[in-house]
Amino acid sequence: MYTKEFEIRWSDIDANRHLANTAYINFMSHTRMGFLMENGFGQKDLAKHNLGPVVFYEHVYYFREVFAGEPVKVSLQLKGLSEDGMYFEFVHNFYDSKGRNFASCEMMGGWIDLKARKLTGLPSDLINNFDSLPHTEDFKVLTKEDTRKHGRKPQDIDPELLK
């Protein structure tokens, strides 16, 4: 399992003196980027292919509080990947120093062509690197329909209501 260890800093604590929501998001992002950089997705590699990762959603589930004073570990597993590598789904779990799981997150994203500004698949060598991440037990091959499984769509409003 891929993991990163973090020290909870003063700036990671919220008004309730426990780990702030924004810290969870930052720890997960750092864990993902660590895996990507170690597996052929560094800035130079991404620039060579004009690629950038995009997040579609992050659903975080909190099980118990965690406070400053002890290190925490964040894991990363691959829950899904489309055949062309365009879409991916990760699972992050948060563990305290005693191995207790205090939060979990399901995250879905994709790859964007930074010139065309459109979603794109990955070159085959990068798909193989990406697929090397440990898989969850419920891993699946993703389709475009999986990216809309929650049924959320944009709903525009009259701009006059924003004044």
N, C-alpha and C. Protein backbone atom coordinates (compact mmCIF):
# COMPACT_ATOMS: atom_id res chain seq x y z
N MET A 1 0.85 -1.18 0.00
CA MET A 1 0.00 0.00 0.00
C MET A 1 0.89 1.24 0.00
N TYR A 2 0.55 2.21 -0.84
CA TYR A 2 1.32 3.45 -0.89
C TYR A 2 0.84 4.36 0.25
N THR A 3 1.78 4.87 1.04
CA THR A 3 1.42 5.78 2.14
C THR A 3 2.39 6.95 2.23
N LYS A 4 1.92 8.02 2.82
CA LYS A 4 2.73 9.18 3.19
C LYS A 4 2.44 9.49 4.65
N GLU A 5 3.47 9.91 5.37
CA GLU A 5 3.29 10.28 6.77
C GLU A 5 3.32 11.79 6.90
N PHE A 6 2.46 12.30 7.78
CA PHE A 6 2.35 13.74 8.00
C PHE A 6 2.37 14.06 9.48
N GLU A 7 2.96 15.19 9.79
CA GLU A 7 2.91 15.76 11.13
C GLU A 7 1.82 16.81 11.12
N ILE A 8 0.93 16.77 12.09
CA ILE A 8 -0.14 17.77 12.15
C ILE A 8 0.45 19.06 12.72
N ARG A 9 0.42 20.09 11.90
CA ARG A 9 0.97 21.38 12.28
C ARG A 9 -0.13 22.26 12.90
N TRP A 10 0.28 23.32 13.55
CA TRP A 10 -0.66 24.27 14.13
C TRP A 10 -1.63 24.76 13.06
N SER A 11 -1.14 25.03 11.86
CA SER A 11 -1.98 25.56 10.78
C SER A 11 -2.96 24.51 10.24
N ASP A 12 -2.82 23.24 10.63
CA ASP A 12 -3.73 22.17 10.19
C ASP A 12 -4.92 22.00 11.12
N ILE A 13 -4.95 22.75 12.21
CA ILE A 13 -6.00 22.61 13.23
C ILE A 13 -7.08 23.67 13.01
N ASP A 14 -8.34 23.29 13.24
CA ASP A 14 -9.44 24.24 13.08
C ASP A 14 -9.88 24.80 14.44
N ALA A 15 -10.98 25.52 14.46
CA ALA A 15 -11.47 26.17 15.69
C ALA A 15 -11.85 25.17 16.77
N ASN A 16 -12.12 23.92 16.39
CA ASN A 16 -12.46 22.87 17.37
C ASN A 16 -11.22 22.13 17.87
N ARG A 17 -10.06 22.59 17.46
CA ARG A 17 -8.75 22.05 17.88
C ARG A 17 -8.50 20.62 17.38
N HIS A 18 -9.20 20.24 16.31
CA HIS A 18 -8.87 18.97 15.67
C HIS A 18 -8.50 19.23 14.20
N LEU A 19 -8.08 18.19 13.50
CA LEU A 19 -7.62 18.34 12.12
C LEU A 19 -8.71 18.96 11.25
N ALA A 20 -8.37 20.05 10.58
CA ALA A 20 -9.32 20.80 9.76
C ALA A 20 -9.60 20.08 8.44
N ASN A 21 -10.78 20.30 7.91
CA ASN A 21 -11.17 19.73 6.63
C ASN A 21 -10.15 20.04 5.53
N THR A 22 -9.67 21.26 5.48
CA THR A 22 -8.71 21.64 4.45
C THR A 22 -7.41 20.84 4.57
N ALA A 23 -7.03 20.48 5.78
CA ALA A 23 -5.81 19.68 5.96
C ALA A 23 -5.99 18.29 5.37
N TYR A 24 -7.17 17.70 5.53
CA TYR A 24 -7.43 16.39 4.93
C TYR A 24 -7.22 16.48 3.41
N ILE A 25 -7.79 17.50 2.79
CA ILE A 25 -7.68 17.67 1.34
C ILE A 25 -6.22 17.86 0.94
N ASN A 26 -5.49 18.67 1.69
CA ASN A 26 -4.07 18.90 1.38
C ASN A 26 -3.23 17.63 1.56
N PHE A 27 -3.48 16.87 2.62
CA PHE A 27 -2.73 15.64 2.85
C PHE A 27 -2.99 14.63 1.73
N MET A 28 -4.25 14.53 1.29
CA MET A 28 -4.56 13.60 0.19
C MET A 28 -3.89 14.04 -1.11
N SER A 29 -3.96 15.32 -1.40
CA SER A 29 -3.34 15.84 -2.62
C SER A 29 -1.84 15.58 -2.62
N HIS A 30 -1.20 15.82 -1.49
CA HIS A 30 0.25 15.58 -1.38
C HIS A 30 0.57 14.10 -1.56
N THR A 31 -0.26 13.23 -1.02
CA THR A 31 -0.06 11.79 -1.17
C THR A 31 -0.19 11.38 -2.63
N ARG A 32 -1.21 11.88 -3.32
CA ARG A 32 -1.39 11.57 -4.74
C ARG A 32 -0.21 12.06 -5.57
N MET A 33 0.20 13.30 -5.31
CA MET A 33 1.31 13.85 -6.10
C MET A 33 2.61 13.11 -5.81
N GLY A 34 2.80 12.66 -4.58
CA GLY A 34 3.98 11.86 -4.26
C GLY A 34 4.01 10.59 -5.08
N PHE A 35 2.88 9.88 -5.13
CA PHE A 35 2.81 8.66 -5.94
C PHE A 35 3.07 8.98 -7.41
N LEU A 36 2.42 10.01 -7.93
CA LEU A 36 2.57 10.34 -9.35
C LEU A 36 4.01 10.69 -9.69
N MET A 37 4.65 11.52 -8.87
CA MET A 37 6.03 11.91 -9.15
C MET A 37 6.98 10.73 -9.10
N GLU A 38 6.71 9.77 -8.22
CA GLU A 38 7.56 8.58 -8.11
C GLU A 38 7.31 7.55 -9.21
N ASN A 39 6.28 7.81 -10.04
CA ASN A 39 5.90 6.81 -11.04
C ASN A 39 5.73 7.39 -12.44
N GLY A 40 6.63 8.30 -12.80
CA GLY A 40 6.66 8.80 -14.17
C GLY A 40 5.72 9.94 -14.49
N PHE A 41 5.17 10.58 -13.45
CA PHE A 41 4.24 11.68 -13.67
C PHE A 41 4.76 12.97 -13.05
N GLY A 42 6.07 13.19 -13.12
CA GLY A 42 6.64 14.43 -12.61
C GLY A 42 6.30 15.59 -13.54
N GLN A 43 6.66 16.80 -13.14
CA GLN A 43 6.32 17.98 -13.94
C GLN A 43 6.88 17.89 -15.36
N LYS A 44 8.11 17.41 -15.52
CA LYS A 44 8.70 17.30 -16.86
C LYS A 44 7.94 16.29 -17.71
N ASP A 45 7.56 15.16 -17.10
CA ASP A 45 6.81 14.13 -17.83
C ASP A 45 5.45 14.66 -18.27
N LEU A 46 4.76 15.33 -17.35
CA LEU A 46 3.45 15.86 -17.68
C LEU A 46 3.55 16.95 -18.75
N ALA A 47 4.58 17.79 -18.66
CA ALA A 47 4.77 18.85 -19.66
C ALA A 47 5.05 18.25 -21.03
N LYS A 48 5.83 17.18 -21.06
CA LYS A 48 6.16 16.52 -22.33
C LYS A 48 4.89 16.04 -23.05
N HIS A 49 3.91 15.60 -22.28
CA HIS A 49 2.66 15.09 -22.85
C HIS A 49 1.52 16.12 -22.79
N ASN A 50 1.79 17.35 -22.31
CA ASN A 50 0.76 18.39 -22.16
C ASN A 50 -0.40 17.92 -21.30
N LEU A 51 -0.10 17.23 -20.22
CA LEU A 51 -1.14 16.66 -19.35
C LEU A 51 -1.20 17.35 -18.00
N GLY A 52 -2.39 17.37 -17.44
CA GLY A 52 -2.59 17.81 -16.07
C GLY A 52 -3.71 17.02 -15.43
N PRO A 53 -3.60 16.67 -14.14
CA PRO A 53 -4.68 15.95 -13.46
C PRO A 53 -5.77 16.92 -13.03
N VAL A 54 -7.03 16.47 -13.12
CA VAL A 54 -8.16 17.27 -12.64
C VAL A 54 -8.99 16.42 -11.67
N VAL A 55 -9.53 17.07 -10.66
CA VAL A 55 -10.37 16.40 -9.67
C VAL A 55 -11.83 16.64 -10.03
N PHE A 56 -12.63 15.57 -10.11
CA PHE A 56 -14.06 15.70 -10.33
C PHE A 56 -14.79 15.85 -8.99
N TYR A 57 -14.40 15.04 -8.02
CA TYR A 57 -14.98 15.15 -6.69
C TYR A 57 -14.10 14.42 -5.67
N GLU A 58 -14.29 14.80 -4.41
CA GLU A 58 -13.68 14.12 -3.27
C GLU A 58 -14.77 13.98 -2.22
N HIS A 59 -15.11 12.75 -1.86
CA HIS A 59 -16.10 12.48 -0.82
C HIS A 59 -15.36 11.98 0.41
N VAL A 60 -15.33 12.81 1.44
CA VAL A 60 -14.59 12.46 2.65
C VAL A 60 -15.56 11.97 3.72
N TYR A 61 -15.19 10.88 4.38
CA TYR A 61 -15.98 10.31 5.47
C TYR A 61 -15.12 10.38 6.73
N TYR A 62 -15.65 11.04 7.77
CA TYR A 62 -14.92 11.22 9.02
C TYR A 62 -15.46 10.24 10.05
N PHE A 63 -14.56 9.50 10.68
CA PHE A 63 -14.96 8.50 11.67
C PHE A 63 -14.68 8.92 13.10
N ARG A 64 -13.57 9.63 13.31
CA ARG A 64 -13.23 10.10 14.66
C ARG A 64 -12.29 11.29 14.54
N GLU A 65 -12.19 12.02 15.62
CA GLU A 65 -11.30 13.19 15.63
C GLU A 65 -9.85 12.75 15.71
N VAL A 66 -9.00 13.63 15.22
CA VAL A 66 -7.56 13.45 15.38
C VAL A 66 -6.97 14.81 15.72
N PHE A 67 -6.00 14.80 16.61
CA PHE A 67 -5.44 16.04 17.15
C PHE A 67 -3.95 16.12 16.87
N ALA A 68 -3.41 17.30 17.07
CA ALA A 68 -1.96 17.50 16.91
C ALA A 68 -1.21 16.69 17.96
N GLY A 69 0.02 16.35 17.63
CA GLY A 69 0.86 15.67 18.62
C GLY A 69 1.35 14.31 18.17
N GLU A 70 0.70 13.68 17.23
CA GLU A 70 1.15 12.39 16.74
C GLU A 70 1.12 12.39 15.22
N PRO A 71 2.00 11.64 14.58
CA PRO A 71 1.97 11.58 13.12
C PRO A 71 0.75 10.81 12.62
N VAL A 72 0.34 11.12 11.40
CA VAL A 72 -0.74 10.39 10.75
C VAL A 72 -0.23 9.89 9.40
N LYS A 73 -0.82 8.79 8.94
CA LYS A 73 -0.47 8.25 7.64
C LYS A 73 -1.69 8.28 6.74
N VAL A 74 -1.44 8.61 5.47
CA VAL A 74 -2.49 8.64 4.47
C VAL A 74 -2.12 7.62 3.39
N SER A 75 -3.05 6.70 3.13
CA SER A 75 -2.81 5.68 2.10
C SER A 75 -3.46 6.08 0.78
N LEU A 76 -3.03 5.40 -0.27
CA LEU A 76 -3.57 5.63 -1.60
C LEU A 76 -3.70 4.29 -2.31
N GLN A 77 -4.90 4.00 -2.80
CA GLN A 77 -5.15 2.80 -3.59
C GLN A 77 -5.97 3.19 -4.81
N LEU A 78 -5.80 2.43 -5.88
CA LEU A 78 -6.55 2.66 -7.11
C LEU A 78 -7.84 1.86 -7.06
N LYS A 79 -8.96 2.58 -7.12
CA LYS A 79 -10.28 1.93 -7.08
C LYS A 79 -10.84 1.71 -8.49
N GLY A 80 -10.38 2.51 -9.44
CA GLY A 80 -10.86 2.35 -10.81
C GLY A 80 -9.98 3.09 -11.79
N LEU A 81 -9.98 2.59 -13.02
CA LEU A 81 -9.20 3.20 -14.10
C LEU A 81 -9.89 2.85 -15.41
N SER A 82 -10.08 3.85 -16.27
CA SER A 82 -10.67 3.57 -17.57
C SER A 82 -9.61 2.90 -18.46
N GLU A 83 -10.06 2.21 -19.49
CA GLU A 83 -9.13 1.49 -20.36
C GLU A 83 -8.10 2.40 -20.99
N ASP A 84 -8.50 3.64 -21.32
CA ASP A 84 -7.57 4.57 -21.94
C ASP A 84 -6.84 5.45 -20.92
N GLY A 85 -7.13 5.24 -19.63
CA GLY A 85 -6.47 6.01 -18.58
C GLY A 85 -7.04 7.40 -18.37
N MET A 86 -8.08 7.77 -19.12
CA MET A 86 -8.64 9.12 -19.00
C MET A 86 -9.23 9.38 -17.62
N TYR A 87 -9.92 8.39 -17.07
CA TYR A 87 -10.57 8.53 -15.77
C TYR A 87 -9.90 7.62 -14.74
N PHE A 88 -9.85 8.10 -13.51
CA PHE A 88 -9.30 7.28 -12.42
C PHE A 88 -10.08 7.57 -11.15
N GLU A 89 -10.07 6.59 -10.26
CA GLU A 89 -10.70 6.76 -8.95
C GLU A 89 -9.75 6.23 -7.89
N PHE A 90 -9.54 7.03 -6.87
CA PHE A 90 -8.65 6.67 -5.76
C PHE A 90 -9.45 6.51 -4.48
N VAL A 91 -8.89 5.73 -3.56
CA VAL A 91 -9.37 5.66 -2.18
C VAL A 91 -8.20 6.04 -1.29
N HIS A 92 -8.45 6.98 -0.40
CA HIS A 92 -7.48 7.38 0.62
C HIS A 92 -8.03 6.94 1.97
N ASN A 93 -7.15 6.41 2.81
CA ASN A 93 -7.51 6.14 4.20
C ASN A 93 -6.52 6.85 5.09
N PHE A 94 -7.02 7.36 6.22
CA PHE A 94 -6.21 8.08 7.19
C PHE A 94 -6.09 7.21 8.43
N TYR A 95 -4.83 7.07 8.92
CA TYR A 95 -4.56 6.24 10.09
C TYR A 95 -3.78 7.02 11.12
N ASP A 96 -4.12 6.81 12.40
CA ASP A 96 -3.33 7.42 13.47
C ASP A 96 -2.13 6.52 13.78
N SER A 97 -1.35 6.90 14.76
CA SER A 97 -0.11 6.16 15.07
C SER A 97 -0.37 4.76 15.61
N LYS A 98 -1.63 4.48 16.01
CA LYS A 98 -1.99 3.14 16.49
C LYS A 98 -2.65 2.30 15.39
N GLY A 99 -2.67 2.84 14.17
CA GLY A 99 -3.26 2.11 13.05
C GLY A 99 -4.77 2.23 12.95
N ARG A 100 -5.37 3.11 13.74
CA ARG A 100 -6.83 3.29 13.70
C ARG A 100 -7.21 4.16 12.51
N ASN A 101 -8.18 3.71 11.74
CA ASN A 101 -8.67 4.43 10.57
C ASN A 101 -9.64 5.52 11.03
N PHE A 102 -9.23 6.79 10.91
CA PHE A 102 -10.08 7.87 11.40
C PHE A 102 -10.80 8.64 10.31
N ALA A 103 -10.47 8.39 9.02
CA ALA A 103 -11.20 9.01 7.92
C ALA A 103 -10.90 8.24 6.64
N SER A 104 -11.77 8.42 5.66
CA SER A 104 -11.60 7.78 4.36
C SER A 104 -12.14 8.72 3.29
N CYS A 105 -11.63 8.58 2.08
CA CYS A 105 -12.08 9.45 0.99
C CYS A 105 -12.08 8.68 -0.32
N GLU A 106 -13.13 8.88 -1.09
CA GLU A 106 -13.19 8.41 -2.47
C GLU A 106 -13.02 9.63 -3.35
N MET A 107 -12.11 9.56 -4.28
CA MET A 107 -11.80 10.69 -5.15
C MET A 107 -11.82 10.22 -6.59
N MET A 108 -12.46 10.97 -7.47
CA MET A 108 -12.45 10.65 -8.89
C MET A 108 -11.87 11.82 -9.65
N GLY A 109 -11.10 11.50 -10.69
CA GLY A 109 -10.50 12.54 -11.51
C GLY A 109 -10.24 12.05 -12.91
N GLY A 110 -9.57 12.89 -13.67
CA GLY A 110 -9.23 12.58 -15.04
C GLY A 110 -8.00 13.35 -15.46
N TRP A 111 -7.65 13.20 -16.71
CA TRP A 111 -6.48 13.88 -17.28
C TRP A 111 -6.95 14.85 -18.35
N ILE A 112 -6.40 16.05 -18.34
CA ILE A 112 -6.77 17.07 -19.30
C ILE A 112 -5.57 17.39 -20.18
N ASP A 113 -5.83 17.55 -21.46
CA ASP A 113 -4.83 18.04 -22.41
C ASP A 113 -4.76 19.54 -22.20
N LEU A 114 -3.63 20.05 -21.76
CA LEU A 114 -3.52 21.45 -21.35
C LEU A 114 -3.57 22.42 -22.52
N LYS A 115 -3.33 21.96 -23.75
CA LYS A 115 -3.48 22.84 -24.92
C LYS A 115 -4.92 22.85 -25.41
N ALA A 116 -5.49 21.67 -25.60
CA ALA A 116 -6.87 21.56 -26.11
C ALA A 116 -7.89 21.88 -25.04
N ARG A 117 -7.50 21.80 -23.75
CA ARG A 117 -8.39 22.02 -22.61
C ARG A 117 -9.56 21.05 -22.64
N LYS A 118 -9.24 19.78 -23.00
CA LYS A 118 -10.24 18.72 -23.04
C LYS A 118 -9.68 17.49 -22.34
N LEU A 119 -10.59 16.67 -21.82
CA LEU A 119 -10.16 15.41 -21.21
C LEU A 119 -9.52 14.54 -22.27
N THR A 120 -8.50 13.78 -21.84
CA THR A 120 -7.76 12.94 -22.76
C THR A 120 -7.28 11.68 -22.07
N GLY A 121 -7.03 10.65 -22.85
CA GLY A 121 -6.46 9.42 -22.32
C GLY A 121 -4.96 9.57 -22.11
N LEU A 122 -4.36 8.56 -21.52
CA LEU A 122 -2.93 8.56 -21.24
C LEU A 122 -2.18 7.74 -22.29
N PRO A 123 -0.91 8.11 -22.57
CA PRO A 123 -0.07 7.23 -23.39
C PRO A 123 0.07 5.88 -22.67
N SER A 124 0.27 4.81 -23.44
CA SER A 124 0.28 3.45 -22.86
C SER A 124 1.31 3.28 -21.76
N ASP A 125 2.50 3.89 -21.89
CA ASP A 125 3.52 3.73 -20.85
C ASP A 125 3.06 4.36 -19.53
N LEU A 126 2.34 5.47 -19.61
CA LEU A 126 1.84 6.11 -18.40
C LEU A 126 0.67 5.33 -17.79
N ILE A 127 -0.17 4.71 -18.64
CA ILE A 127 -1.25 3.87 -18.12
C ILE A 127 -0.64 2.74 -17.29
N ASN A 128 0.41 2.12 -17.80
CA ASN A 128 1.06 1.02 -17.07
C ASN A 128 1.63 1.50 -15.74
N ASN A 129 2.24 2.69 -15.71
CA ASN A 129 2.77 3.25 -14.46
C ASN A 129 1.64 3.50 -13.47
N PHE A 130 0.56 4.07 -13.97
CA PHE A 130 -0.59 4.40 -13.13
C PHE A 130 -1.23 3.14 -12.56
N ASP A 131 -1.33 2.13 -13.40
CA ASP A 131 -1.98 0.88 -13.01
C ASP A 131 -1.13 0.08 -12.02
N SER A 132 0.11 0.52 -11.78
CA SER A 132 0.98 -0.19 -10.83
C SER A 132 0.60 0.09 -9.38
N LEU A 133 -0.24 1.10 -9.15
CA LEU A 133 -0.70 1.41 -7.79
C LEU A 133 -1.52 0.23 -7.27
N PRO A 134 -1.35 -0.12 -5.99
CA PRO A 134 -2.17 -1.20 -5.44
C PRO A 134 -3.66 -0.92 -5.64
N HIS A 135 -4.40 -1.94 -6.06
CA HIS A 135 -5.83 -1.82 -6.33
C HIS A 135 -6.65 -2.17 -5.08
N THR A 136 -7.82 -1.56 -4.98
CA THR A 136 -8.77 -1.95 -3.93
C THR A 136 -9.39 -3.29 -4.32
N GLU A 137 -10.02 -3.94 -3.35
CA GLU A 137 -10.68 -5.21 -3.63
C GLU A 137 -11.83 -5.04 -4.62
N ASP A 138 -12.45 -3.86 -4.63
CA ASP A 138 -13.58 -3.61 -5.53
C ASP A 138 -13.18 -2.80 -6.76
N PHE A 139 -11.93 -2.91 -7.18
CA PHE A 139 -11.43 -2.20 -8.36
C PHE A 139 -12.31 -2.52 -9.57
N LYS A 140 -12.51 -1.50 -10.42
CA LYS A 140 -13.28 -1.73 -11.64
C LYS A 140 -12.72 -0.89 -12.78
N VAL A 141 -13.01 -1.32 -14.00
CA VAL A 141 -12.68 -0.55 -15.19
C VAL A 141 -13.75 0.53 -15.32
N LEU A 142 -13.32 1.79 -15.35
CA LEU A 142 -14.26 2.92 -15.37
C LEU A 142 -14.71 3.26 -16.79
N THR A 143 -15.92 3.80 -16.87
CA THR A 143 -16.45 4.34 -18.12
C THR A 143 -16.86 5.79 -17.86
N LYS A 144 -17.20 6.50 -18.91
CA LYS A 144 -17.66 7.89 -18.76
C LYS A 144 -18.88 7.96 -17.84
N GLU A 145 -19.75 6.97 -17.91
CA GLU A 145 -20.95 6.96 -17.07
C GLU A 145 -20.60 6.94 -15.58
N ASP A 146 -19.48 6.31 -15.22
CA ASP A 146 -19.07 6.28 -13.82
C ASP A 146 -18.75 7.67 -13.29
N THR A 147 -18.32 8.58 -14.16
CA THR A 147 -17.98 9.93 -13.71
C THR A 147 -19.23 10.75 -13.37
N ARG A 148 -20.39 10.26 -13.77
CA ARG A 148 -21.65 10.97 -13.51
C ARG A 148 -22.59 10.16 -12.63
N LYS A 149 -22.04 9.19 -11.90
CA LYS A 149 -22.88 8.27 -11.13
C LYS A 149 -23.68 8.95 -10.02
N HIS A 150 -23.27 10.14 -9.62
CA HIS A 150 -24.00 10.83 -8.55
C HIS A 150 -25.09 11.75 -9.10
N GLY A 151 -25.18 11.85 -10.43
CA GLY A 151 -26.26 12.59 -11.06
C GLY A 151 -26.21 14.10 -10.93
N ARG A 152 -25.09 14.64 -10.52
CA ARG A 152 -24.97 16.09 -10.36
C ARG A 152 -24.66 16.73 -11.71
N LYS A 153 -25.45 17.78 -12.04
CA LYS A 153 -25.24 18.54 -13.27
C LYS A 153 -25.33 20.02 -12.93
N PRO A 154 -24.63 20.86 -13.69
CA PRO A 154 -24.70 22.30 -13.41
C PRO A 154 -26.10 22.84 -13.67
N GLN A 155 -26.50 23.81 -12.85
CA GLN A 155 -27.78 24.49 -13.02
C GLN A 155 -27.53 25.99 -12.98
N ASP A 156 -27.51 26.60 -14.16
CA ASP A 156 -27.26 28.03 -14.28
C ASP A 156 -28.44 28.82 -13.73
N ILE A 157 -28.18 30.07 -13.35
CA ILE A 157 -29.24 30.96 -12.89
C ILE A 157 -29.16 32.26 -13.69
N ASP A 158 -30.17 33.07 -13.57
CA ASP A 158 -30.21 34.37 -14.21
C ASP A 158 -29.12 35.23 -13.54
N PRO A 159 -28.20 35.80 -14.33
CA PRO A 159 -27.12 36.63 -13.75
C PRO A 159 -27.64 37.81 -12.93
N GLU A 160 -28.85 38.24 -13.18
CA GLU A 160 -29.44 39.35 -12.41
C GLU A 160 -29.60 38.97 -10.94
N LEU A 161 -29.76 37.69 -10.66
CA LEU A 161 -29.92 37.23 -9.27
C LEU A 161 -28.60 37.34 -8.50
N LEU A 162 -27.50 37.50 -9.19
CA LEU A 162 -26.19 37.59 -8.56
C LEU A 162 -25.80 39.01 -8.19
N LYS A 163 -26.64 39.96 -8.53
CA LYS A 163 -26.31 41.37 -8.26
C LYS A 163 -26.75 41.80 -6.89
